[in-house]
Amino acid sequence: MADQNRDLPLIISEILIEMHEVKDSIYAMRSDIRVMQSDIRIMKEALNSTAEVVLKQQEHTNNILTVFQEESKNNMEFMTYSISRALGQQQTVNQDFEAQLVRLEQRHQIV
C-alpha cells in the first residue's frame, strides 16, 4: 500500500499536466472557432453585397429589355399601319386604273 501511495503524487502530477495541456488545446480551439466565425461573417457580408449587385444588374437588364420590348411593339404596330395604309393606297390606285381601263376599253369599242 505504501508503494501505491508513493506513486500517487507522480500520477496526480501527470494528470494535472495533461489537464493543463487539454485546457490549452481547448483555448486554442476556441480561438480558432472565433476566427472561423469572423471569417464566416466576412464571407456572409461579401456574399450579401455580391447578391445586391447582381440583383441591381438584373433589375437594370430587365428595365432595358422592357424598353426594347416596348420599342419593338411600337415598331411592329407602325409597320402594320404603314403596310395597311400602303395596301389601301394601292387598292385605290388599282381601282382608278381599272376604272380608267374600262373607260378606255369602252371608248375604243365605240369608235
N, C-alpha and C. Protein backbone atom coordinates (compact mmCIF):
# COMPACT_ATOMS: atom_id res chain seq x y z
N MET A 1 0.82 -1.18 0.00
CA MET A 1 0.00 0.00 0.00
C MET A 1 0.86 1.24 0.00
N ALA A 2 1.98 1.15 0.72
CA ALA A 2 2.90 2.29 0.79
C ALA A 2 3.49 2.58 -0.57
N ASP A 3 3.76 1.52 -1.39
CA ASP A 3 4.30 1.72 -2.73
C ASP A 3 3.29 2.43 -3.63
N GLN A 4 2.01 2.06 -3.48
CA GLN A 4 0.98 2.69 -4.28
C GLN A 4 0.85 4.16 -3.91
N ASN A 5 0.92 4.48 -2.63
CA ASN A 5 0.82 5.86 -2.20
C ASN A 5 2.02 6.68 -2.64
N ARG A 6 3.16 6.03 -2.74
CA ARG A 6 4.38 6.71 -3.16
C ARG A 6 4.25 7.18 -4.60
N ASP A 7 3.59 6.43 -5.49
CA ASP A 7 3.41 6.80 -6.90
C ASP A 7 2.24 7.77 -7.11
N LEU A 8 1.41 7.92 -6.10
CA LEU A 8 0.22 8.76 -6.23
C LEU A 8 0.55 10.20 -6.59
N PRO A 9 1.52 10.89 -5.97
CA PRO A 9 1.85 12.27 -6.37
C PRO A 9 2.30 12.35 -7.82
N LEU A 10 3.05 11.36 -8.29
CA LEU A 10 3.51 11.36 -9.67
C LEU A 10 2.32 11.20 -10.62
N ILE A 11 1.40 10.32 -10.30
CA ILE A 11 0.22 10.10 -11.13
C ILE A 11 -0.63 11.36 -11.17
N ILE A 12 -0.84 11.98 -10.01
CA ILE A 12 -1.64 13.20 -9.94
C ILE A 12 -0.95 14.31 -10.73
N SER A 13 0.35 14.38 -10.63
CA SER A 13 1.11 15.39 -11.37
C SER A 13 0.94 15.19 -12.88
N GLU A 14 1.02 13.97 -13.34
CA GLU A 14 0.83 13.68 -14.77
C GLU A 14 -0.59 14.03 -15.22
N ILE A 15 -1.57 13.72 -14.38
CA ILE A 15 -2.96 14.05 -14.70
C ILE A 15 -3.13 15.55 -14.81
N LEU A 16 -2.54 16.30 -13.87
CA LEU A 16 -2.64 17.76 -13.89
C LEU A 16 -1.96 18.34 -15.14
N ILE A 17 -0.81 17.78 -15.51
CA ILE A 17 -0.12 18.24 -16.72
C ILE A 17 -0.99 18.00 -17.95
N GLU A 18 -1.59 16.82 -18.04
CA GLU A 18 -2.46 16.50 -19.18
C GLU A 18 -3.69 17.40 -19.19
N MET A 19 -4.26 17.67 -18.01
CA MET A 19 -5.42 18.57 -17.93
C MET A 19 -5.05 19.97 -18.39
N HIS A 20 -3.84 20.41 -18.02
CA HIS A 20 -3.38 21.73 -18.44
C HIS A 20 -3.21 21.78 -19.97
N GLU A 21 -2.66 20.71 -20.54
CA GLU A 21 -2.49 20.64 -21.99
C GLU A 21 -3.85 20.63 -22.69
N VAL A 22 -4.81 19.88 -22.13
CA VAL A 22 -6.16 19.84 -22.70
C VAL A 22 -6.78 21.23 -22.61
N LYS A 23 -6.58 21.91 -21.46
CA LYS A 23 -7.11 23.26 -21.28
C LYS A 23 -6.53 24.20 -22.33
N ASP A 24 -5.20 24.13 -22.55
CA ASP A 24 -4.57 24.97 -23.58
C ASP A 24 -5.13 24.63 -24.97
N SER A 25 -5.35 23.36 -25.22
CA SER A 25 -5.90 22.93 -26.51
C SER A 25 -7.32 23.47 -26.69
N ILE A 26 -8.11 23.45 -25.61
CA ILE A 26 -9.48 23.98 -25.67
C ILE A 26 -9.44 25.47 -25.95
N TYR A 27 -8.55 26.22 -25.28
CA TYR A 27 -8.43 27.66 -25.54
C TYR A 27 -8.03 27.92 -26.99
N ALA A 28 -7.11 27.11 -27.52
CA ALA A 28 -6.69 27.27 -28.91
C ALA A 28 -7.87 26.99 -29.86
N MET A 29 -8.66 25.96 -29.54
CA MET A 29 -9.82 25.65 -30.37
C MET A 29 -10.84 26.79 -30.32
N ARG A 30 -11.06 27.35 -29.13
CA ARG A 30 -11.99 28.48 -29.01
C ARG A 30 -11.52 29.65 -29.84
N SER A 31 -10.22 29.90 -29.81
CA SER A 31 -9.66 30.99 -30.62
C SER A 31 -9.86 30.71 -32.11
N ASP A 32 -9.60 29.47 -32.51
CA ASP A 32 -9.81 29.08 -33.90
C ASP A 32 -11.28 29.24 -34.30
N ILE A 33 -12.18 28.87 -33.39
CA ILE A 33 -13.62 29.00 -33.67
C ILE A 33 -13.99 30.46 -33.84
N ARG A 34 -13.44 31.35 -32.99
CA ARG A 34 -13.72 32.79 -33.13
C ARG A 34 -13.23 33.31 -34.48
N VAL A 35 -12.04 32.87 -34.89
CA VAL A 35 -11.51 33.29 -36.18
C VAL A 35 -12.42 32.79 -37.31
N MET A 36 -12.86 31.53 -37.21
CA MET A 36 -13.75 30.98 -38.24
C MET A 36 -15.07 31.73 -38.26
N GLN A 37 -15.61 32.06 -37.09
CA GLN A 37 -16.87 32.82 -37.04
C GLN A 37 -16.69 34.19 -37.69
N SER A 38 -15.56 34.82 -37.43
CA SER A 38 -15.27 36.11 -38.06
C SER A 38 -15.17 35.96 -39.57
N ASP A 39 -14.47 34.92 -40.01
CA ASP A 39 -14.35 34.66 -41.46
C ASP A 39 -15.73 34.41 -42.08
N ILE A 40 -16.57 33.67 -41.37
CA ILE A 40 -17.91 33.39 -41.88
C ILE A 40 -18.71 34.68 -41.99
N ARG A 41 -18.60 35.56 -40.99
CA ARG A 41 -19.30 36.85 -41.06
C ARG A 41 -18.83 37.67 -42.25
N ILE A 42 -17.51 37.69 -42.47
CA ILE A 42 -16.96 38.44 -43.60
C ILE A 42 -17.46 37.86 -44.93
N MET A 43 -17.44 36.52 -45.04
CA MET A 43 -17.92 35.88 -46.27
C MET A 43 -19.41 36.14 -46.47
N LYS A 44 -20.18 36.12 -45.38
CA LYS A 44 -21.61 36.39 -45.47
C LYS A 44 -21.85 37.81 -45.97
N GLU A 45 -21.10 38.78 -45.43
CA GLU A 45 -21.24 40.17 -45.87
C GLU A 45 -20.86 40.31 -47.35
N ALA A 46 -19.78 39.64 -47.75
CA ALA A 46 -19.35 39.70 -49.15
C ALA A 46 -20.40 39.07 -50.06
N LEU A 47 -20.96 37.96 -49.62
CA LEU A 47 -22.00 37.28 -50.41
C LEU A 47 -23.24 38.15 -50.54
N ASN A 48 -23.65 38.77 -49.44
CA ASN A 48 -24.82 39.66 -49.48
C ASN A 48 -24.56 40.86 -50.39
N SER A 49 -23.36 41.40 -50.31
CA SER A 49 -23.00 42.54 -51.17
C SER A 49 -23.03 42.13 -52.64
N THR A 50 -22.47 40.98 -52.93
CA THR A 50 -22.48 40.47 -54.30
C THR A 50 -23.91 40.22 -54.78
N ALA A 51 -24.73 39.66 -53.90
CA ALA A 51 -26.13 39.40 -54.27
C ALA A 51 -26.86 40.71 -54.57
N GLU A 52 -26.58 41.76 -53.80
CA GLU A 52 -27.21 43.06 -54.06
C GLU A 52 -26.80 43.60 -55.43
N VAL A 53 -25.51 43.47 -55.75
CA VAL A 53 -25.03 43.95 -57.05
C VAL A 53 -25.69 43.16 -58.18
N VAL A 54 -25.74 41.85 -58.03
CA VAL A 54 -26.36 41.00 -59.06
C VAL A 54 -27.84 41.36 -59.21
N LEU A 55 -28.52 41.60 -58.10
CA LEU A 55 -29.94 41.96 -58.15
C LEU A 55 -30.13 43.29 -58.87
N LYS A 56 -29.28 44.28 -58.57
CA LYS A 56 -29.38 45.57 -59.25
C LYS A 56 -29.10 45.43 -60.74
N GLN A 57 -28.10 44.61 -61.10
CA GLN A 57 -27.81 44.39 -62.51
C GLN A 57 -28.99 43.70 -63.20
N GLN A 58 -29.61 42.75 -62.52
CA GLN A 58 -30.76 42.05 -63.09
C GLN A 58 -31.92 43.02 -63.30
N GLU A 59 -32.16 43.90 -62.32
CA GLU A 59 -33.22 44.90 -62.46
C GLU A 59 -32.93 45.83 -63.64
N HIS A 60 -31.68 46.25 -63.77
CA HIS A 60 -31.29 47.13 -64.88
C HIS A 60 -31.50 46.41 -66.22
N THR A 61 -31.06 45.17 -66.29
CA THR A 61 -31.24 44.38 -67.51
C THR A 61 -32.72 44.22 -67.83
N ASN A 62 -33.53 43.94 -66.82
CA ASN A 62 -34.98 43.80 -67.04
C ASN A 62 -35.58 45.10 -67.56
N ASN A 63 -35.13 46.24 -67.01
CA ASN A 63 -35.63 47.53 -67.48
C ASN A 63 -35.26 47.76 -68.94
N ILE A 64 -34.02 47.44 -69.30
CA ILE A 64 -33.58 47.60 -70.69
C ILE A 64 -34.41 46.70 -71.61
N LEU A 65 -34.62 45.45 -71.19
CA LEU A 65 -35.41 44.53 -72.01
C LEU A 65 -36.85 45.01 -72.15
N THR A 66 -37.40 45.59 -71.10
CA THR A 66 -38.76 46.13 -71.17
C THR A 66 -38.83 47.27 -72.18
N VAL A 67 -37.82 48.14 -72.15
CA VAL A 67 -37.77 49.25 -73.12
C VAL A 67 -37.67 48.70 -74.54
N PHE A 68 -36.77 47.74 -74.75
CA PHE A 68 -36.63 47.14 -76.09
C PHE A 68 -37.93 46.48 -76.53
N GLN A 69 -38.60 45.81 -75.62
CA GLN A 69 -39.85 45.14 -75.96
C GLN A 69 -40.91 46.17 -76.36
N GLU A 70 -40.99 47.27 -75.62
CA GLU A 70 -41.95 48.33 -75.97
C GLU A 70 -41.62 48.93 -77.33
N GLU A 71 -40.33 49.20 -77.56
CA GLU A 71 -39.93 49.77 -78.86
C GLU A 71 -40.25 48.80 -79.99
N SER A 72 -40.01 47.53 -79.77
CA SER A 72 -40.31 46.52 -80.79
C SER A 72 -41.81 46.47 -81.07
N LYS A 73 -42.60 46.52 -80.00
CA LYS A 73 -44.06 46.51 -80.16
C LYS A 73 -44.51 47.74 -80.95
N ASN A 74 -43.98 48.91 -80.59
CA ASN A 74 -44.34 50.14 -81.30
C ASN A 74 -43.92 50.08 -82.77
N ASN A 75 -42.71 49.57 -83.02
CA ASN A 75 -42.24 49.43 -84.41
C ASN A 75 -43.14 48.48 -85.20
N MET A 76 -43.54 47.38 -84.57
CA MET A 76 -44.40 46.42 -85.26
C MET A 76 -45.75 47.05 -85.57
N GLU A 77 -46.30 47.80 -84.61
CA GLU A 77 -47.59 48.47 -84.85
C GLU A 77 -47.46 49.49 -85.98
N PHE A 78 -46.36 50.24 -86.00
CA PHE A 78 -46.16 51.23 -87.05
C PHE A 78 -46.01 50.55 -88.41
N MET A 79 -45.24 49.45 -88.44
CA MET A 79 -45.06 48.73 -89.71
C MET A 79 -46.40 48.18 -90.20
N THR A 80 -47.19 47.63 -89.29
CA THR A 80 -48.50 47.11 -89.67
C THR A 80 -49.38 48.22 -90.22
N TYR A 81 -49.37 49.37 -89.54
CA TYR A 81 -50.15 50.52 -90.00
C TYR A 81 -49.67 50.98 -91.37
N SER A 82 -48.33 51.07 -91.53
CA SER A 82 -47.76 51.54 -92.80
C SER A 82 -48.11 50.59 -93.94
N ILE A 83 -48.00 49.30 -93.69
CA ILE A 83 -48.32 48.32 -94.72
C ILE A 83 -49.80 48.38 -95.07
N SER A 84 -50.65 48.48 -94.05
CA SER A 84 -52.10 48.58 -94.31
C SER A 84 -52.42 49.83 -95.11
N ARG A 85 -51.79 50.92 -94.76
CA ARG A 85 -52.02 52.18 -95.48
C ARG A 85 -51.55 52.06 -96.93
N ALA A 86 -50.35 51.48 -97.10
CA ALA A 86 -49.82 51.31 -98.46
C ALA A 86 -50.73 50.40 -99.28
N LEU A 87 -51.23 49.33 -98.65
CA LEU A 87 -52.14 48.43 -99.37
C LEU A 87 -53.43 49.15 -99.73
N GLY A 88 -53.93 49.98 -98.82
CA GLY A 88 -55.13 50.75 -99.10
C GLY A 88 -54.91 51.70 -100.26
N GLN A 89 -53.76 52.36 -100.27
CA GLN A 89 -53.43 53.27 -101.38
C GLN A 89 -53.30 52.49 -102.68
N GLN A 90 -52.68 51.32 -102.61
CA GLN A 90 -52.51 50.51 -103.81
C GLN A 90 -53.87 50.06 -104.34
N GLN A 91 -54.76 49.71 -103.43
CA GLN A 91 -56.11 49.31 -103.87
C GLN A 91 -56.82 50.48 -104.56
N THR A 92 -56.63 51.69 -104.01
CA THR A 92 -57.23 52.87 -104.64
C THR A 92 -56.65 53.08 -106.03
N VAL A 93 -55.32 52.96 -106.14
CA VAL A 93 -54.66 53.11 -107.44
C VAL A 93 -55.16 52.03 -108.40
N ASN A 94 -55.27 50.80 -107.91
CA ASN A 94 -55.77 49.71 -108.76
C ASN A 94 -57.19 49.98 -109.23
N GLN A 95 -58.02 50.46 -108.31
CA GLN A 95 -59.41 50.77 -108.69
C GLN A 95 -59.45 51.88 -109.73
N ASP A 96 -58.64 52.92 -109.52
CA ASP A 96 -58.58 54.01 -110.50
C ASP A 96 -58.09 53.49 -111.85
N PHE A 97 -57.07 52.62 -111.80
CA PHE A 97 -56.53 52.06 -113.03
C PHE A 97 -57.59 51.21 -113.74
N GLU A 98 -58.28 50.38 -112.97
CA GLU A 98 -59.33 49.54 -113.54
C GLU A 98 -60.43 50.42 -114.16
N ALA A 99 -60.81 51.48 -113.45
CA ALA A 99 -61.86 52.37 -113.98
C ALA A 99 -61.39 53.04 -115.27
N GLN A 100 -60.16 53.49 -115.29
CA GLN A 100 -59.62 54.14 -116.50
C GLN A 100 -59.53 53.13 -117.63
N LEU A 101 -59.12 51.91 -117.31
CA LEU A 101 -59.03 50.86 -118.32
C LEU A 101 -60.42 50.57 -118.90
N VAL A 102 -61.40 50.48 -118.04
CA VAL A 102 -62.77 50.24 -118.51
C VAL A 102 -63.21 51.37 -119.43
N ARG A 103 -62.93 52.64 -119.03
CA ARG A 103 -63.31 53.79 -119.88
C ARG A 103 -62.60 53.72 -121.24
N LEU A 104 -61.31 53.38 -121.21
CA LEU A 104 -60.56 53.28 -122.47
C LEU A 104 -61.11 52.17 -123.35
N GLU A 105 -61.41 51.04 -122.73
CA GLU A 105 -61.97 49.92 -123.50
C GLU A 105 -63.31 50.32 -124.09
N GLN A 106 -64.10 51.03 -123.33
CA GLN A 106 -65.41 51.47 -123.84
C GLN A 106 -65.24 52.47 -124.98
N ARG A 107 -64.29 53.36 -124.86
CA ARG A 107 -64.04 54.34 -125.92
C ARG A 107 -63.60 53.66 -127.20
N HIS A 108 -62.74 52.69 -127.07
CA HIS A 108 -62.23 52.01 -128.26
C HIS A 108 -63.28 51.12 -128.89
N GLN A 109 -64.18 50.63 -128.12
CA GLN A 109 -65.24 49.79 -128.68
C GLN A 109 -66.26 50.64 -129.43
N ILE A 110 -66.45 51.85 -128.94
CA ILE A 110 -67.42 52.74 -129.59
C ILE A 110 -66.87 53.20 -130.92
N VAL A 111 -65.65 53.49 -130.99
CA VAL A 111 -65.06 54.05 -132.20
C VAL A 111 -64.91 53.03 -133.24
